[in-house]
Amino acid sequence: MGIRLPSIIFHAKQALKSQPLGTRNAQPDVPRGHVAVYVGEVQRKRFLIPVSFLNHPSFRELLRRAEEEYGFEHPMGGLTIPCKEDAFIDLTTQLHGL
């Protein structure tokens, strides 16, 4: 399991690199050092999180679940995390406190 997690981050970085420069800057509301993610089981909501969260073990578990559900083709065009919004907010609130 742990061997696959770096591949998730690698593919996410590759996806960002492969975007034309014009599309990377198309969403100026994403501050430097953050990434937009879509969260929800049915209806998805967009959240901005610090890139540092991607290295936390609890967040990596969410990424592993997202990989199992969606692979690397995310239907929202960005990183999609299939969990309840409340659970995601609880996790990110805990991570902000670290």
PDB file of N, CA and C in Angstrom:
ATOM      1  N   MET A   1       0.815  -1.199   0.000  1.00  0.00           N
ATOM      2  CA  MET A   1       0.000   0.000   0.000  1.00  0.00           C
ATOM      3  C   MET A   1       0.856   1.258   0.000  1.00  0.00           C
ATOM      4  N   GLY A   2       1.842   1.335   0.878  1.00  0.00           N
ATOM      5  CA  GLY A   2       2.669   2.522   0.990  1.00  0.00           C
ATOM      6  C   GLY A   2       3.454   2.814  -0.269  1.00  0.00           C
ATOM      7  N   ILE A   3       3.711   1.796  -1.064  1.00  0.00           N
ATOM      8  CA  ILE A   3       4.471   1.985  -2.294  1.00  0.00           C
ATOM      9  C   ILE A   3       3.664   2.777  -3.309  1.00  0.00           C
ATOM     10  N   ARG A   4       2.358   2.656  -3.296  1.00  0.00           N
ATOM     11  CA  ARG A   4       1.513   3.327  -4.276  1.00  0.00           C
ATOM     12  C   ARG A   4       1.330   4.806  -3.973  1.00  0.00           C
ATOM     13  N   LEU A   5       1.438   5.214  -2.703  1.00  0.00           N
ATOM     14  CA  LEU A   5       1.173   6.602  -2.354  1.00  0.00           C
ATOM     15  C   LEU A   5       2.102   7.585  -3.062  1.00  0.00           C
ATOM     16  N   PRO A   6       3.406   7.316  -3.127  1.00  0.00           N
ATOM     17  CA  PRO A   6       4.240   8.256  -3.886  1.00  0.00           C
ATOM     18  C   PRO A   6       3.811   8.360  -5.343  1.00  0.00           C
ATOM     19  N   SER A   7       3.263   7.284  -5.900  1.00  0.00           N
ATOM     20  CA  SER A   7       2.812   7.358  -7.288  1.00  0.00           C
ATOM     21  C   SER A   7       1.635   8.312  -7.437  1.00  0.00           C
ATOM     22  N   ILE A   8       0.797   8.412  -6.411  1.00  0.00           N
ATOM     23  CA  ILE A   8      -0.323   9.350  -6.448  1.00  0.00           C
ATOM     24  C   ILE A   8       0.197  10.773  -6.548  1.00  0.00           C
ATOM     25  N   ILE A   9       1.161  11.090  -5.684  1.00  0.00           N
ATOM     26  CA  ILE A   9       1.732  12.436  -5.686  1.00  0.00           C
ATOM     27  C   ILE A   9       2.457  12.690  -7.000  1.00  0.00           C
ATOM     28  N   PHE A  10       3.199  11.693  -7.486  1.00  0.00           N
ATOM     29  CA  PHE A  10       3.908  11.833  -8.759  1.00  0.00           C
ATOM     30  C   PHE A  10       2.931  12.144  -9.883  1.00  0.00           C
ATOM     31  N   HIS A  11       1.830  11.382  -9.977  1.00  0.00           N
ATOM     32  CA  HIS A  11       0.859  11.608 -11.044  1.00  0.00           C
ATOM     33  C   HIS A  11       0.174  12.966 -10.909  1.00  0.00           C
ATOM     34  N   ALA A  12      -0.081  13.395  -9.666  1.00  0.00           N
ATOM     35  CA  ALA A  12      -0.684  14.718  -9.465  1.00  0.00           C
ATOM     36  C   ALA A  12       0.258  15.809  -9.957  1.00  0.00           C
ATOM     37  N   LYS A  13       1.552  15.670  -9.646  1.00  0.00           N
ATOM     38  CA  LYS A  13       2.534  16.661 -10.109  1.00  0.00           C
ATOM     39  C   LYS A  13       2.645  16.635 -11.625  1.00  0.00           C
ATOM     40  N   GLN A  14       2.630  15.438 -12.217  1.00  0.00           N
ATOM     41  CA  GLN A  14       2.719  15.323 -13.668  1.00  0.00           C
ATOM     42  C   GLN A  14       1.511  15.962 -14.342  1.00  0.00           C
ATOM     43  N   ALA A  15       0.343  15.797 -13.755  1.00  0.00           N
ATOM     44  CA  ALA A  15      -0.859  16.393 -14.322  1.00  0.00           C
ATOM     45  C   ALA A  15      -0.758  17.911 -14.311  1.00  0.00           C
ATOM     46  N   LEU A  16      -0.229  18.464 -13.213  1.00  0.00           N
ATOM     47  CA  LEU A  16      -0.055  19.915 -13.142  1.00  0.00           C
ATOM     48  C   LEU A  16       0.967  20.397 -14.160  1.00  0.00           C
ATOM     49  N   LYS A  17       2.068  19.650 -14.309  1.00  0.00           N
ATOM     50  CA  LYS A  17       3.105  20.042 -15.258  1.00  0.00           C
ATOM     51  C   LYS A  17       2.607  19.978 -16.696  1.00  0.00           C
ATOM     52  N   SER A  18       1.720  19.025 -16.980  1.00  0.00           N
ATOM     53  CA  SER A  18       1.262  18.846 -18.353  1.00  0.00           C
ATOM     54  C   SER A  18       0.227  19.879 -18.784  1.00  0.00           C
ATOM     55  N   GLN A  19      -0.303  20.644 -17.826  1.00  0.00           N
ATOM     56  CA  GLN A  19      -1.275  21.668 -18.187  1.00  0.00           C
ATOM     57  C   GLN A  19      -0.557  22.832 -18.858  1.00  0.00           C
ATOM     58  N   PRO A  20      -1.125  23.357 -19.911  1.00  0.00           N
ATOM     59  CA  PRO A  20      -0.529  24.545 -20.524  1.00  0.00           C
ATOM     60  C   PRO A  20      -0.486  25.685 -19.510  1.00  0.00           C
ATOM     61  N   LEU A  21       0.514  26.539 -19.642  1.00  0.00           N
ATOM     62  CA  LEU A  21       0.671  27.632 -18.684  1.00  0.00           C
ATOM     63  C   LEU A  21      -0.572  28.491 -18.577  1.00  0.00           C
ATOM     64  N   GLY A  22      -1.277  28.688 -19.666  1.00  0.00           N
ATOM     65  CA  GLY A  22      -2.491  29.501 -19.628  1.00  0.00           C
ATOM     66  C   GLY A  22      -3.568  28.915 -18.742  1.00  0.00           C
ATOM     67  N   THR A  23      -3.677  27.588 -18.714  1.00  0.00           N
ATOM     68  CA  THR A  23      -4.709  26.970 -17.879  1.00  0.00           C
ATOM     69  C   THR A  23      -4.296  26.928 -16.426  1.00  0.00           C
ATOM     70  N   ARG A  24      -3.022  26.855 -16.156  1.00  0.00           N
ATOM     71  CA  ARG A  24      -2.584  26.868 -14.764  1.00  0.00           C
ATOM     72  C   ARG A  24      -2.981  28.171 -14.086  1.00  0.00           C
ATOM     73  N   ASN A  25      -2.907  29.247 -14.818  1.00  0.00           N
ATOM     74  CA  ASN A  25      -3.212  30.548 -14.240  1.00  0.00           C
ATOM     75  C   ASN A  25      -4.665  30.947 -14.452  1.00  0.00           C
ATOM     76  N   ALA A  26      -5.465  30.052 -15.000  1.00  0.00           N
ATOM     77  CA  ALA A  26      -6.856  30.375 -15.289  1.00  0.00           C
ATOM     78  C   ALA A  26      -7.682  30.522 -14.016  1.00  0.00           C
ATOM     79  N   GLN A  27      -7.196  29.968 -12.905  1.00  0.00           N
ATOM     80  CA  GLN A  27      -7.905  30.075 -11.637  1.00  0.00           C
ATOM     81  C   GLN A  27      -7.041  30.855 -10.644  1.00  0.00           C
ATOM     82  N   PRO A  28      -7.015  32.182 -10.768  1.00  0.00           N
ATOM     83  CA  PRO A  28      -6.147  32.980  -9.906  1.00  0.00           C
ATOM     84  C   PRO A  28      -6.580  32.962  -8.443  1.00  0.00           C
ATOM     85  N   ASP A  29      -7.726  32.349  -8.136  1.00  0.00           N
ATOM     86  CA  ASP A  29      -8.203  32.311  -6.767  1.00  0.00           C
ATOM     87  C   ASP A  29      -7.524  31.202  -5.952  1.00  0.00           C
ATOM     88  N   VAL A  30      -6.625  30.426  -6.568  1.00  0.00           N
ATOM     89  CA  VAL A  30      -5.866  29.415  -5.840  1.00  0.00           C
ATOM     90  C   VAL A  30      -4.523  30.039  -5.469  1.00  0.00           C
ATOM     91  N   PRO A  31      -4.344  30.334  -4.171  1.00  0.00           N
ATOM     92  CA  PRO A  31      -3.097  30.978  -3.766  1.00  0.00           C
ATOM     93  C   PRO A  31      -1.897  30.045  -3.907  1.00  0.00           C
ATOM     94  N   ARG A  32      -0.743  30.632  -4.065  1.00  0.00           N
ATOM     95  CA  ARG A  32       0.502  29.869  -4.167  1.00  0.00           C
ATOM     96  C   ARG A  32       0.654  28.989  -2.926  1.00  0.00           C
ATOM     97  N   GLY A  33       1.068  27.736  -3.147  1.00  0.00           N
ATOM     98  CA  GLY A  33       1.248  26.813  -2.038  1.00  0.00           C
ATOM     99  C   GLY A  33      -0.017  26.073  -1.647  1.00  0.00           C
ATOM    100  N   HIS A  34      -1.060  26.227  -2.440  1.00  0.00           N
ATOM    101  CA  HIS A  34      -2.334  25.561  -2.180  1.00  0.00           C
ATOM    102  C   HIS A  34      -2.763  24.778  -3.418  1.00  0.00           C
ATOM    103  N   VAL A  35      -3.718  23.896  -3.218  1.00  0.00           N
ATOM    104  CA  VAL A  35      -4.272  23.118  -4.326  1.00  0.00           C
ATOM    105  C   VAL A  35      -5.782  23.026  -4.122  1.00  0.00           C
ATOM    106  N   ALA A  36      -6.516  23.033  -5.229  1.00  0.00           N
ATOM    107  CA  ALA A  36      -7.968  22.891  -5.161  1.00  0.00           C
ATOM    108  C   ALA A  36      -8.314  21.412  -5.205  1.00  0.00           C
ATOM    109  N   VAL A  37      -9.221  20.991  -4.325  1.00  0.00           N
ATOM    110  CA  VAL A  37      -9.717  19.618  -4.324  1.00  0.00           C
ATOM    111  C   VAL A  37     -11.232  19.668  -4.299  1.00  0.00           C
ATOM    112  N   TYR A  38     -11.844  18.629  -4.853  1.00  0.00           N
ATOM    113  CA  TYR A  38     -13.298  18.505  -4.860  1.00  0.00           C
ATOM    114  C   TYR A  38     -13.662  17.371  -3.923  1.00  0.00           C
ATOM    115  N   VAL A  39     -14.558  17.652  -2.982  1.00  0.00           N
ATOM    116  CA  VAL A  39     -14.881  16.705  -1.917  1.00  0.00           C
ATOM    117  C   VAL A  39     -16.375  16.423  -1.917  1.00  0.00           C
ATOM    118  N   GLY A  40     -16.720  15.162  -1.728  1.00  0.00           N
ATOM    119  CA  GLY A  40     -18.115  14.773  -1.603  1.00  0.00           C
ATOM    120  C   GLY A  40     -18.353  13.421  -2.222  1.00  0.00           C
ATOM    121  N   GLU A  41     -19.413  12.787  -1.771  1.00  0.00           N
ATOM    122  CA  GLU A  41     -19.747  11.470  -2.293  1.00  0.00           C
ATOM    123  C   GLU A  41     -20.667  11.566  -3.504  1.00  0.00           C
ATOM    124  N   VAL A  42     -21.581  12.518  -3.507  1.00  0.00           N
ATOM    125  CA  VAL A  42     -22.503  12.692  -4.634  1.00  0.00           C
ATOM    126  C   VAL A  42     -22.284  14.079  -5.232  1.00  0.00           C
ATOM    127  N   GLN A  43     -22.648  15.090  -4.475  1.00  0.00           N
ATOM    128  CA  GLN A  43     -22.418  16.465  -4.905  1.00  0.00           C
ATOM    129  C   GLN A  43     -21.074  16.910  -4.355  1.00  0.00           C
ATOM    130  N   ARG A  44     -20.230  17.483  -5.192  1.00  0.00           N
ATOM    131  CA  ARG A  44     -18.876  17.822  -4.783  1.00  0.00           C
ATOM    132  C   ARG A  44     -18.711  19.313  -4.557  1.00  0.00           C
ATOM    133  N   LYS A  45     -17.937  19.635  -3.512  1.00  0.00           N
ATOM    134  CA  LYS A  45     -17.652  21.020  -3.173  1.00  0.00           C
ATOM    135  C   LYS A  45     -16.152  21.252  -3.289  1.00  0.00           C
ATOM    136  N   ARG A  46     -15.773  22.404  -3.776  1.00  0.00           N
ATOM    137  CA  ARG A  46     -14.368  22.743  -3.986  1.00  0.00           C
ATOM    138  C   ARG A  46     -13.783  23.340  -2.712  1.00  0.00           C
ATOM    139  N   PHE A  47     -12.600  22.839  -2.324  1.00  0.00           N
ATOM    140  CA  PHE A  47     -11.859  23.354  -1.175  1.00  0.00           C
ATOM    141  C   PHE A  47     -10.439  23.684  -1.610  1.00  0.00           C
ATOM    142  N   LEU A  48      -9.845  24.657  -0.971  1.00  0.00           N
ATOM    143  CA  LEU A  48      -8.437  24.971  -1.176  1.00  0.00           C
ATOM    144  C   LEU A  48      -7.678  24.515   0.062  1.00  0.00           C
ATOM    145  N   ILE A  49      -6.642  23.712  -0.151  1.00  0.00           N
ATOM    146  CA  ILE A  49      -5.864  23.207   0.978  1.00  0.00           C
ATOM    147  C   ILE A  49      -4.386  23.491   0.741  1.00  0.00           C
ATOM    148  N   PRO A  50      -3.616  23.622   1.823  1.00  0.00           N
ATOM    149  CA  PRO A  50      -2.162  23.781   1.659  1.00  0.00           C
ATOM    150  C   PRO A  50      -1.552  22.518   1.047  1.00  0.00           C
ATOM    151  N   VAL A  51      -0.577  22.687   0.187  1.00  0.00           N
ATOM    152  CA  VAL A  51       0.097  21.564  -0.445  1.00  0.00           C
ATOM    153  C   VAL A  51       0.719  20.651   0.612  1.00  0.00           C
ATOM    154  N   SER A  52       1.120  21.190   1.740  1.00  0.00           N
ATOM    155  CA  SER A  52       1.752  20.398   2.804  1.00  0.00           C
ATOM    156  C   SER A  52       0.836  19.287   3.309  1.00  0.00           C
ATOM    157  N   PHE A  53      -0.470  19.446   3.180  1.00  0.00           N
ATOM    158  CA  PHE A  53      -1.406  18.405   3.622  1.00  0.00           C
ATOM    159  C   PHE A  53      -1.197  17.105   2.839  1.00  0.00           C
ATOM    160  N   LEU A  54      -0.705  17.199   1.617  1.00  0.00           N
ATOM    161  CA  LEU A  54      -0.542  16.022   0.776  1.00  0.00           C
ATOM    162  C   LEU A  54       0.432  15.008   1.360  1.00  0.00           C
ATOM    163  N   ASN A  55       1.283  15.432   2.273  1.00  0.00           N
ATOM    164  CA  ASN A  55       2.260  14.525   2.878  1.00  0.00           C
ATOM    165  C   ASN A  55       1.794  13.925   4.197  1.00  0.00           C
ATOM    166  N   HIS A  56       0.688  14.370   4.735  1.00  0.00           N
ATOM    167  CA  HIS A  56       0.208  13.860   6.021  1.00  0.00           C
ATOM    168  C   HIS A  56      -0.418  12.475   5.822  1.00  0.00           C
ATOM    169  N   PRO A  57      -0.113  11.515   6.733  1.00  0.00           N
ATOM    170  CA  PRO A  57      -0.631  10.148   6.569  1.00  0.00           C
ATOM    171  C   PRO A  57      -2.157  10.063   6.448  1.00  0.00           C
ATOM    172  N   SER A  58      -2.880  10.848   7.217  1.00  0.00           N
ATOM    173  CA  SER A  58      -4.354  10.803   7.129  1.00  0.00           C
ATOM    174  C   SER A  58      -4.839  11.295   5.768  1.00  0.00           C
ATOM    175  N   PHE A  59      -4.187  12.313   5.251  1.00  0.00           N
ATOM    176  CA  PHE A  59      -4.582  12.840   3.949  1.00  0.00           C
ATOM    177  C   PHE A  59      -4.184  11.875   2.842  1.00  0.00           C
ATOM    178  N   ARG A  60      -3.049  11.219   3.014  1.00  0.00           N
ATOM    179  CA  ARG A  60      -2.622  10.223   2.027  1.00  0.00           C
ATOM    180  C   ARG A  60      -3.621   9.069   1.936  1.00  0.00           C
ATOM    181  N   GLU A  61      -4.254   8.738   3.059  1.00  0.00           N
ATOM    182  CA  GLU A  61      -5.273   7.693   3.027  1.00  0.00           C
ATOM    183  C   GLU A  61      -6.452   8.134   2.150  1.00  0.00           C
ATOM    184  N   LEU A  62      -6.826   9.396   2.261  1.00  0.00           N
ATOM    185  CA  LEU A  62      -7.891   9.909   1.386  1.00  0.00           C
ATOM    186  C   LEU A  62      -7.468   9.850  -0.077  1.00  0.00           C
ATOM    187  N   LEU A  63      -6.202  10.174  -0.338  1.00  0.00           N
ATOM    188  CA  LEU A  63      -5.701  10.105  -1.708  1.00  0.00           C
ATOM    189  C   LEU A  63      -5.711   8.672  -2.230  1.00  0.00           C
ATOM    190  N   ARG A  64      -5.376   7.722  -1.366  1.00  0.00           N
ATOM    191  CA  ARG A  64      -5.397   6.315  -1.761  1.00  0.00           C
ATOM    192  C   ARG A  64      -6.821   5.901  -2.144  1.00  0.00           C
ATOM    193  N   ARG A  65      -7.794   6.336  -1.335  1.00  0.00           N
ATOM    194  CA  ARG A  65      -9.195   6.023  -1.643  1.00  0.00           C
ATOM    195  C   ARG A  65      -9.632   6.674  -2.951  1.00  0.00           C
ATOM    196  N   ALA A  66      -9.171   7.904  -3.166  1.00  0.00           N
ATOM    197  CA  ALA A  66      -9.518   8.596  -4.414  1.00  0.00           C
ATOM    198  C   ALA A  66      -8.928   7.859  -5.611  1.00  0.00           C
ATOM    199  N   GLU A  67      -7.702   7.353  -5.456  1.00  0.00           N
ATOM    200  CA  GLU A  67      -7.081   6.597  -6.547  1.00  0.00           C
ATOM    201  C   GLU A  67      -7.868   5.323  -6.837  1.00  0.00           C
ATOM    202  N   GLU A  68      -8.311   4.630  -5.781  1.00  0.00           N
ATOM    203  CA  GLU A  68      -9.084   3.407  -5.977  1.00  0.00           C
ATOM    204  C   GLU A  68     -10.396   3.683  -6.701  1.00  0.00           C
ATOM    205  N   GLU A  69     -11.036   4.800  -6.345  1.00  0.00           N
ATOM    206  CA  GLU A  69     -12.344   5.113  -6.916  1.00  0.00           C
ATOM    207  C   GLU A  69     -12.243   5.701  -8.317  1.00  0.00           C
ATOM    208  N   TYR A  70     -11.295   6.619  -8.525  1.00  0.00           N
ATOM    209  CA  TYR A  70     -11.241   7.370  -9.779  1.00  0.00           C
ATOM    210  C   TYR A  70     -10.005   7.111 -10.622  1.00  0.00           C
ATOM    211  N   GLY A  71      -8.983   6.468 -10.056  1.00  0.00           N
ATOM    212  CA  GLY A  71      -7.715   6.371 -10.772  1.00  0.00           C
ATOM    213  C   GLY A  71      -7.122   7.762 -10.859  1.00  0.00           C
ATOM    214  N   PHE A  72      -6.528   8.070 -11.970  1.00  0.00           N
ATOM    215  CA  PHE A  72      -5.946   9.405 -12.117  1.00  0.00           C
ATOM    216  C   PHE A  72      -6.729  10.268 -13.092  1.00  0.00           C
ATOM    217  N   GLU A  73      -7.881   9.803 -13.509  1.00  0.00           N
ATOM    218  CA  GLU A  73      -8.775  10.575 -14.370  1.00  0.00           C
ATOM    219  C   GLU A  73      -9.913  11.097 -13.498  1.00  0.00           C
ATOM    220  N   HIS A  74      -9.779  12.285 -12.991  1.00  0.00           N
ATOM    221  CA  HIS A  74     -10.773  12.830 -12.085  1.00  0.00           C
ATOM    222  C   HIS A  74     -11.882  13.520 -12.870  1.00  0.00           C
ATOM    223  N   PRO A  75     -13.139  13.157 -12.598  1.00  0.00           N
ATOM    224  CA  PRO A  75     -14.259  13.671 -13.385  1.00  0.00           C
ATOM    225  C   PRO A  75     -14.463  15.175 -13.257  1.00  0.00           C
ATOM    226  N   MET A  76     -13.997  15.783 -12.184  1.00  0.00           N
ATOM    227  CA  MET A  76     -14.188  17.214 -11.989  1.00  0.00           C
ATOM    228  C   MET A  76     -13.063  18.025 -12.640  1.00  0.00           C
ATOM    229  N   GLY A  77     -12.077  17.342 -13.218  1.00  0.00           N
ATOM    230  CA  GLY A  77     -10.960  18.051 -13.820  1.00  0.00           C
ATOM    231  C   GLY A  77      -9.896  18.405 -12.806  1.00  0.00           C
ATOM    232  N   GLY A  78     -10.085  18.050 -11.565  1.00  0.00           N
ATOM    233  CA  GLY A  78      -9.121  18.293 -10.505  1.00  0.00           C
ATOM    234  C   GLY A  78      -9.109  17.106  -9.574  1.00  0.00           C
ATOM    235  N   LEU A  79      -8.395  17.226  -8.499  1.00  0.00           N
ATOM    236  CA  LEU A  79      -8.307  16.148  -7.530  1.00  0.00           C
ATOM    237  C   LEU A  79      -9.651  15.993  -6.826  1.00  0.00           C
ATOM    238  N   THR A  80     -10.250  14.806  -6.949  1.00  0.00           N
ATOM    239  CA  THR A  80     -11.557  14.531  -6.362  1.00  0.00           C
ATOM    240  C   THR A  80     -11.387  13.527  -5.238  1.00  0.00           C
ATOM    241  N   ILE A  81     -11.930  13.848  -4.061  1.00  0.00           N
ATOM    242  CA  ILE A  81     -11.806  12.986  -2.891  1.00  0.00           C
ATOM    243  C   ILE A  81     -13.195  12.504  -2.496  1.00  0.00           C
ATOM    244  N   PRO A  82     -13.416  11.185  -2.586  1.00  0.00           N
ATOM    245  CA  PRO A  82     -14.743  10.633  -2.312  1.00  0.00           C
ATOM    246  C   PRO A  82     -14.976  10.374  -0.824  1.00  0.00           C
ATOM    247  N   CYS A  83     -15.270  11.420  -0.080  1.00  0.00           N
ATOM    248  CA  CYS A  83     -15.600  11.247   1.339  1.00  0.00           C
ATOM    249  C   CYS A  83     -16.660  12.283   1.699  1.00  0.00           C
ATOM    250  N   LYS A  84     -17.239  12.116   2.868  1.00  0.00           N
ATOM    251  CA  LYS A  84     -18.242  13.077   3.315  1.00  0.00           C
ATOM    252  C   LYS A  84     -17.564  14.410   3.609  1.00  0.00           C
ATOM    253  N   GLU A  85     -18.243  15.463   3.248  1.00  0.00           N
ATOM    254  CA  GLU A  85     -17.707  16.803   3.433  1.00  0.00           C
ATOM    255  C   GLU A  85     -17.362  17.067   4.905  1.00  0.00           C
ATOM    256  N   ASP A  86     -18.219  16.622   5.819  1.00  0.00           N
ATOM    257  CA  ASP A  86     -17.964  16.827   7.251  1.00  0.00           C
ATOM    258  C   ASP A  86     -16.678  16.145   7.699  1.00  0.00           C
ATOM    259  N   ALA A  87     -16.434  14.924   7.214  1.00  0.00           N
ATOM    260  CA  ALA A  87     -15.217  14.195   7.571  1.00  0.00           C
ATOM    261  C   ALA A  87     -13.982  14.921   7.039  1.00  0.00           C
ATOM    262  N   PHE A  88     -14.086  15.460   5.817  1.00  0.00           N
ATOM    263  CA  PHE A  88     -12.974  16.198   5.230  1.00  0.00           C
ATOM    264  C   PHE A  88     -12.684  17.462   6.040  1.00  0.00           C
ATOM    265  N   ILE A  89     -13.731  18.174   6.434  1.00  0.00           N
ATOM    266  CA  ILE A  89     -13.556  19.396   7.218  1.00  0.00           C
ATOM    267  C   ILE A  89     -12.935  19.075   8.566  1.00  0.00           C
ATOM    268  N   ASP A  90     -13.384  17.990   9.206  1.00  0.00           N
ATOM    269  CA  ASP A  90     -12.788  17.582  10.477  1.00  0.00           C
ATOM    270  C   ASP A  90     -11.293  17.295  10.324  1.00  0.00           C
ATOM    271  N   LEU A  91     -10.926  16.559   9.272  1.00  0.00           N
ATOM    272  CA  LEU A  91      -9.514  16.229   9.051  1.00  0.00           C
ATOM    273  C   LEU A  91      -8.696  17.477   8.808  1.00  0.00           C
ATOM    274  N   THR A  92      -9.165  18.349   7.927  1.00  0.00           N
ATOM    275  CA  THR A  92      -8.366  19.543   7.604  1.00  0.00           C
ATOM    276  C   THR A  92      -8.282  20.486   8.799  1.00  0.00           C
ATOM    277  N   THR A  93      -9.303  20.520   9.624  1.00  0.00           N
ATOM    278  CA  THR A  93      -9.248  21.337  10.843  1.00  0.00           C
ATOM    279  C   THR A  93      -8.165  20.803  11.780  1.00  0.00           C
ATOM    280  N   GLN A  94      -8.080  19.483  11.909  1.00  0.00           N
ATOM    281  CA  GLN A  94      -7.025  18.878  12.725  1.00  0.00           C
ATOM    282  C   GLN A  94      -5.648  19.162  12.153  1.00  0.00           C
ATOM    283  N   LEU A  95      -5.517  19.082  10.833  1.00  0.00           N
ATOM    284  CA  LEU A  95      -4.219  19.324  10.194  1.00  0.00           C
ATOM    285  C   LEU A  95      -3.798  20.773  10.312  1.00  0.00           C
ATOM    286  N   HIS A  96      -4.736  21.698  10.280  1.00  0.00           N
ATOM    287  CA  HIS A  96      -4.404  23.107  10.461  1.00  0.00           C
ATOM    288  C   HIS A  96      -3.843  23.360  11.857  1.00  0.00           C
ATOM    289  N   GLY A  97      -4.293  22.544  12.833  1.00  0.00           N
ATOM    290  CA  GLY A  97      -3.839  22.719  14.211  1.00  0.00           C
ATOM    291  C   GLY A  97      -2.433  22.181  14.470  1.00  0.00           C
ATOM    292  N   LEU A  98      -1.881  21.412  13.519  1.00  0.00           N
ATOM    293  CA  LEU A  98      -0.545  20.831  13.718  1.00  0.00           C
ATOM    294  C   LEU A  98       0.552  21.827  13.475  1.00  0.00           C
TER     295      LEU A  98
END
